[in-house]
Protein backbone atom coordinates (compact mmCIF):
# COMPACT_ATOMS: atom_id res chain seq x y z
CA MET A 1 7.17 -11.27 -14.98
CA SER A 2 9.21 -9.41 -12.38
CA THR A 3 8.74 -9.66 -8.63
CA VAL A 4 6.17 -7.47 -6.90
CA ALA A 5 7.26 -6.00 -3.58
CA VAL A 6 4.19 -5.76 -1.34
CA ILE A 7 5.02 -2.81 0.92
CA VAL A 8 3.12 -2.31 4.17
CA VAL A 9 3.67 0.26 6.91
CA THR A 10 2.42 -0.71 10.36
CA TRP A 11 1.95 1.06 13.65
CA ASN A 12 0.02 -0.80 16.34
CA SER A 13 -1.59 -2.94 13.63
CA ALA A 14 -1.74 -6.32 15.40
CA ALA A 15 -5.54 -6.38 15.35
CA VAL A 16 -5.86 -5.89 11.56
CA LEU A 17 -2.84 -7.85 10.31
CA PRO A 18 -4.35 -11.37 10.50
CA GLY A 19 -7.10 -10.39 8.04
CA PHE A 20 -4.64 -8.69 5.70
CA LEU A 21 -2.24 -11.64 5.76
CA ALA A 22 -5.03 -14.18 5.25
CA ALA A 23 -6.31 -12.38 2.13
CA LEU A 24 -2.86 -11.63 0.69
CA PRO A 25 -2.16 -14.92 -1.16
CA ASP A 26 -5.49 -14.81 -3.02
CA GLY A 27 -5.07 -11.11 -3.80
CA MET A 28 -1.57 -11.73 -5.20
CA ALA A 29 -2.59 -14.83 -7.21
CA GLY A 30 -0.71 -15.14 -10.48
CA LEU A 31 2.21 -12.96 -9.37
CA ASP A 32 5.69 -13.55 -7.96
CA TRP A 33 5.71 -11.44 -4.82
CA ARG A 34 7.39 -10.80 -1.50
CA LEU A 35 6.06 -9.04 1.59
CA VAL A 36 8.09 -6.24 3.17
CA VAL A 37 6.74 -4.53 6.27
CA ALA A 38 8.11 -1.40 7.93
CA ASP A 39 6.98 -1.23 11.53
CA ASN A 40 6.93 2.26 13.02
CA ASP A 41 7.74 1.23 16.60
CA SER A 42 4.45 -0.46 17.46
CA ALA A 43 3.66 -0.82 21.16
CA ASP A 44 1.35 -3.79 20.56
CA ASP A 45 2.11 -7.28 19.19
CA THR A 46 2.43 -6.23 15.53
CA VAL A 47 5.95 -7.63 15.03
CA GLU A 48 5.08 -10.87 16.83
CA VAL A 49 1.95 -11.32 14.68
CA LEU A 50 4.08 -10.85 11.57
CA SER A 51 6.72 -13.33 12.69
CA THR A 52 4.04 -15.91 13.51
CA LEU A 53 1.71 -15.49 10.53
CA ALA A 54 4.20 -14.37 7.86
CA PRO A 55 7.63 -15.74 8.81
CA GLU A 56 8.85 -15.28 5.23
CA ALA A 57 8.17 -11.53 5.34
CA THR A 58 10.97 -9.02 5.64
CA VAL A 59 10.25 -6.82 8.65
CA VAL A 60 12.06 -3.51 9.01
CA GLN A 61 11.80 -2.01 12.47
CA THR A 62 12.26 1.74 12.12
CA GLY A 63 12.76 2.22 15.87
CA ARG A 64 10.44 5.21 15.97
CA ASN A 65 7.16 6.39 14.54
CA ALA A 66 8.83 7.78 11.44
CA GLY A 67 5.57 8.35 9.55
CA TYR A 68 3.97 6.72 6.56
CA ALA A 69 6.28 8.01 3.81
CA ALA A 70 9.44 7.20 5.77
CA GLY A 71 8.05 3.72 6.44
CA ILE A 72 7.41 3.18 2.74
CA ASN A 73 10.95 4.31 1.93
CA ALA A 74 12.45 2.02 4.59
CA ALA A 75 10.50 -0.95 3.24
CA LEU A 76 11.44 -0.15 -0.36
CA ASP A 77 15.11 0.02 0.66
CA ALA A 78 14.80 -3.47 2.16
CA ALA A 79 12.74 -4.94 -0.68
CA GLY A 80 15.64 -5.98 -2.86
CA GLU A 81 15.22 -6.25 -6.60
CA HIS A 82 11.65 -5.85 -7.77
CA GLY A 83 9.87 -4.55 -10.83
CA VAL A 84 6.71 -3.28 -9.18
CA ALA A 85 5.89 -1.98 -5.71
CA LEU A 86 2.38 -2.47 -4.36
CA ILE A 87 1.78 -0.12 -1.41
CA CYS A 88 -0.90 -1.41 0.98
CA ASN A 89 -2.38 -0.39 4.29
CA PRO A 90 -2.57 -3.27 6.78
CA ASP A 91 -6.34 -2.97 7.05
CA VAL A 92 -7.10 -3.80 3.39
CA ARG A 93 -8.52 -7.15 2.32
CA MET A 94 -7.62 -7.99 -1.25
CA ARG A 95 -10.03 -9.81 -3.51
CA GLN A 96 -8.93 -12.76 -5.63
CA GLY A 97 -6.44 -11.65 -8.30
CA CYS A 98 -6.85 -7.92 -7.72
CA ALA A 99 -3.11 -7.22 -7.61
CA LYS A 100 -2.56 -8.92 -10.96
CA ARG A 101 -5.20 -6.67 -12.52
CA LEU A 102 -3.36 -3.62 -11.20
CA VAL A 103 0.07 -4.88 -12.32
CA ASP A 104 -1.25 -5.84 -15.77
CA SER A 105 -2.52 -2.28 -16.26
CA LEU A 106 1.02 -0.87 -15.91
CA GLY A 107 3.24 -0.15 -18.88
CA GLY A 108 2.65 1.73 -22.11
CA GLY A 109 3.02 5.07 -20.32
CA VAL A 110 1.12 3.98 -17.21
CA GLY A 111 3.27 4.01 -14.07
CA ILE A 112 0.66 4.15 -11.30
CA ALA A 113 -2.53 2.12 -10.92
CA VAL A 114 -5.06 2.75 -8.17
CA PRO A 115 -7.69 0.23 -7.12
CA LEU A 116 -11.38 0.55 -6.53
CA LEU A 117 -12.27 0.12 -2.87
CA TYR A 118 -15.23 -1.87 -1.59
CA GLU A 119 -16.81 -1.83 1.85
CA GLU A 120 -16.93 -5.28 3.40
CA GLY A 121 -20.02 -7.11 2.16
CA SER A 122 -20.75 -4.57 -0.58
CA ASP A 123 -20.36 -4.68 -4.34
CA THR A 124 -20.53 -0.89 -4.70
CA PRO A 125 -17.08 0.49 -5.54
CA HIS A 126 -15.56 3.66 -4.09
CA ARG A 127 -12.81 5.42 -5.98
CA SER A 128 -9.50 5.55 -4.12
CA LEU A 129 -8.14 8.41 -6.23
CA ARG A 130 -10.09 11.49 -5.22
CA ARG A 131 -9.09 13.59 -8.21
CA GLU A 132 -6.61 13.56 -11.04
CA SER A 133 -3.42 15.60 -10.72
CA THR A 134 -3.01 18.52 -13.09
CA VAL A 135 -0.35 21.16 -13.53
CA LEU A 136 -2.90 23.84 -12.63
CA ARG A 137 -3.90 22.03 -9.42
CA ALA A 138 -0.23 21.59 -8.41
CA LEU A 139 0.42 25.28 -9.05
CA GLY A 140 -2.65 26.25 -7.03
CA GLU A 141 -1.56 24.04 -4.13
CA ALA A 142 1.94 25.54 -4.24
CA VAL A 143 0.62 29.11 -4.26
CA ILE A 144 -2.41 29.05 -1.95
CA GLY A 145 -2.00 25.76 -0.11
CA ASN A 146 -3.53 22.33 -0.40
CA THR A 147 -6.65 23.04 1.67
CA ARG A 148 -7.77 26.05 -0.33
CA ALA A 149 -6.71 24.72 -3.73
CA ALA A 150 -8.82 21.59 -3.15
CA ALA A 151 -11.93 23.79 -3.01
CA PHE A 152 -11.43 24.95 -6.62
CA ARG A 153 -12.27 22.20 -9.08
CA PRO A 154 -12.06 22.69 -12.82
């Protein structure tokens, strides 16, 4: 199995990182993985927390608040060779083996897997994908804008 690059974008995330990092090994159980974090110029102790709690992580300091997508791209550029990228927010807490379930669902025409989300202490799932993409929806968003197109559901 190929390496999974766990990509995280941070900005003033020192308060939530310890929980994320503590849950990460169990969540990634059964996979070969590496953590790559792009920090968008945090003013708190985010980088220090990472260096203390995850010294093996690759930390990319963007030098500015470049935004979420630019942070993901910076981390992917620094990730080295990998077969799968798992994009995470620093405030998630993975359950045992959840990443392996996502990775195992890839292939055979499937290139993106999205998890179910659970509130802390709850077993009721929330869908993280609000709606499926369609050609008609993309056309509507291009013509009338994302806000208005979202109101029309087939």
